[in-house]
């Protein structure tokens, strides 16, 4: 694991990109774990008044992506998402949602991360998410 990639580093990097725009905050980067949260606000809801699935997926995908970056194998310099899947089991209209990413597979060419998204207030599961990333290496000269 890259110990130089702290929550502060990721929060700074994401400040002017989609995670920062949405209000995603990285809380923890640890061996085999990344946690994040997203305060629920009106702009993240769908027109029906419930949390938009895209908001949930963005939180989960951000947690999985940052987890991959923090756990890149030696020589890997980045990654790209090659597949993601989400199952939505609940929703929220207020408060905040939390995400915890844990690894399923940490290989040299791919990583697979599971993310559980919950309602921070009551711990109810909002979504289960799985993301597969391809590890990118510098091109040989």
Protein backbone atom coordinates (compact mmCIF):
# COMPACT_ATOMS: atom_id res chain seq x y z
CA UNK A 1 0.00 0.00 0.00
CA UNK A 2 1.16 3.54 -0.78
CA UNK A 3 1.28 5.29 2.61
CA UNK A 4 1.78 8.70 0.98
CA UNK A 5 -1.79 8.64 -0.32
CA UNK A 6 -3.75 9.94 2.65
CA UNK A 7 -7.36 11.10 2.87
CA UNK A 8 -6.09 14.71 2.70
CA UNK A 9 -4.17 13.97 -0.52
CA UNK A 10 -7.21 12.38 -2.18
CA UNK A 11 -9.55 15.12 -0.96
CA UNK A 12 -7.22 17.76 -2.41
CA UNK A 13 -6.87 15.89 -5.72
CA UNK A 14 -10.63 15.51 -6.00
CA UNK A 15 -11.53 19.06 -4.97
CA UNK A 16 -11.88 20.41 -8.52
CA UNK A 17 -13.22 17.22 -10.09
CA UNK A 18 -16.49 15.29 -9.82
CA UNK A 19 -15.85 13.88 -6.31
CA UNK A 20 -15.21 17.36 -4.93
CA UNK A 21 -18.09 18.89 -6.86
CA UNK A 22 -20.49 16.35 -5.39
CA UNK A 23 -19.05 16.74 -1.87
CA UNK A 24 -17.42 13.32 -1.49
CA UNK A 25 -15.03 13.16 1.44
CA UNK A 26 -12.43 10.42 1.86
CA UNK A 27 -12.26 9.46 5.53
CA UNK A 28 -9.79 6.57 5.71
CA UNK A 29 -7.08 4.94 3.60
CA UNK A 30 -5.83 1.74 5.24
CA UNK A 31 -4.42 -1.60 4.21
CA UNK A 32 -7.30 -3.29 2.38
CA UNK A 33 -9.85 -0.56 3.12
CA UNK A 34 -10.99 2.87 1.99
CA UNK A 35 -13.95 4.69 3.49
CA UNK A 36 -15.74 7.78 2.23
CA UNK A 37 -18.95 9.71 2.77
CA UNK A 38 -21.31 11.92 0.83
CA UNK A 39 -23.70 14.38 2.46
CA UNK A 40 -27.15 14.10 0.89
CA UNK A 41 -28.44 17.37 -0.52
CA UNK A 42 -31.17 18.42 -2.95
CA UNK A 43 -28.86 18.46 -6.00
CA UNK A 44 -28.06 14.73 -5.51
CA UNK A 45 -31.70 13.64 -5.57
CA UNK A 46 -33.64 12.40 -8.56
CA UNK A 47 -36.80 14.28 -9.59
CA UNK A 48 -38.84 11.77 -7.54
CA UNK A 49 -37.23 13.11 -4.33
CA UNK A 50 -35.03 10.09 -3.61
CA UNK A 51 -31.26 9.83 -3.85
CA UNK A 52 -30.24 9.50 -7.50
CA UNK A 53 -28.61 6.14 -8.26
CA UNK A 54 -25.83 8.01 -10.08
CA UNK A 55 -24.93 9.79 -6.84
CA UNK A 56 -24.60 6.45 -5.05
CA UNK A 57 -22.56 4.93 -7.89
CA UNK A 58 -20.25 7.95 -7.97
CA UNK A 59 -19.52 7.61 -4.25
CA UNK A 60 -18.87 3.87 -4.58
CA UNK A 61 -16.77 4.23 -7.73
CA UNK A 62 -14.69 6.99 -6.13
CA UNK A 63 -14.01 4.83 -3.06
CA UNK A 64 -13.03 1.86 -5.28
CA UNK A 65 -10.86 4.02 -7.52
CA UNK A 66 -8.98 5.65 -4.67
CA UNK A 67 -8.56 2.23 -3.07
CA UNK A 68 -7.03 0.94 -6.29
CA UNK A 69 -4.64 3.90 -6.46
CA UNK A 70 -3.56 3.32 -2.86
CA UNK A 71 -2.97 -0.38 -3.55
CA UNK A 72 -1.27 -0.31 -6.96
CA UNK A 73 1.27 -3.10 -7.48
CA UNK A 74 4.92 -2.19 -7.90
CA UNK A 75 5.46 -0.41 -11.23
CA UNK A 76 1.77 0.37 -11.74
CA UNK A 77 1.15 4.08 -12.18
CA UNK A 78 -2.62 4.30 -12.65
CA UNK A 79 -5.74 2.32 -13.52
CA UNK A 80 -8.89 2.44 -15.58
CA UNK A 81 -12.26 0.99 -14.68
CA UNK A 82 -13.24 -1.86 -16.98
CA UNK A 83 -16.47 -2.97 -15.33
CA UNK A 84 -18.78 -1.88 -12.56
CA UNK A 85 -22.04 -3.20 -11.19
CA UNK A 86 -24.37 -1.96 -8.51
CA UNK A 87 -27.38 -3.38 -6.72
CA UNK A 88 -29.52 -0.72 -5.06
CA UNK A 89 -31.37 -1.91 -1.97
CA UNK A 90 -32.47 1.33 -0.32
CA UNK A 91 -32.24 5.09 -0.49
CA UNK A 92 -31.83 8.24 1.57
CA UNK A 93 -33.39 11.69 1.42
CA UNK A 94 -31.28 13.43 4.04
CA UNK A 95 -28.18 13.01 6.18
CA UNK A 96 -25.21 11.31 4.57
CA UNK A 97 -24.29 8.03 2.96
CA UNK A 98 -21.07 6.17 3.68
CA UNK A 99 -19.00 3.81 1.55
CA UNK A 100 -16.46 1.18 2.54
CA UNK A 101 -14.30 -0.40 -0.18
CA UNK A 102 -12.57 -3.73 0.43
CA UNK A 103 -10.53 -5.81 -2.01
CA UNK A 104 -11.66 -9.05 -3.56
CA UNK A 105 -8.63 -9.42 -5.86
CA UNK A 106 -5.37 -7.45 -5.91
CA UNK A 107 -3.54 -8.72 -8.97
CA UNK A 108 -0.76 -7.37 -11.14
CA UNK A 109 -3.06 -6.63 -14.09
CA UNK A 110 -6.46 -6.24 -12.44
CA UNK A 111 -8.04 -5.40 -9.13
CA UNK A 112 -11.59 -6.09 -7.97
CA UNK A 113 -13.11 -4.03 -5.17
CA UNK A 114 -16.44 -4.44 -3.38
CA UNK A 115 -18.05 -1.36 -1.90
CA UNK A 116 -20.93 -1.32 0.56
CA UNK A 117 -22.86 1.95 0.71
CA UNK A 118 -24.93 2.58 3.83
CA UNK A 119 -27.09 5.27 5.37
CA UNK A 120 -24.82 6.88 7.95
CA UNK A 121 -27.67 7.50 10.39
CA UNK A 122 -29.04 3.98 10.67
CA UNK A 123 -26.48 1.70 8.98
CA UNK A 124 -29.02 0.35 6.46
CA UNK A 125 -27.47 -0.86 3.23
CA UNK A 126 -28.19 1.47 0.32
CA UNK A 127 -26.18 -0.38 -2.35
CA UNK A 128 -23.71 -3.15 -3.05
CA UNK A 129 -21.15 -2.29 -5.70
CA UNK A 130 -18.37 -4.24 -7.45
CA UNK A 131 -15.69 -2.61 -9.60
CA UNK A 132 -12.97 -4.19 -11.74
CA UNK A 133 -9.98 -2.05 -12.64
CA UNK A 134 -7.18 -2.66 -15.11
CA UNK A 135 -3.76 -1.63 -13.80
CA UNK A 136 -1.85 0.71 -16.13
CA UNK A 137 1.93 0.64 -16.47
CA UNK A 138 4.24 3.11 -18.20
CA UNK A 139 4.74 2.29 -21.88
CA UNK A 140 8.12 0.81 -22.71
CA UNK A 141 10.31 3.11 -24.79
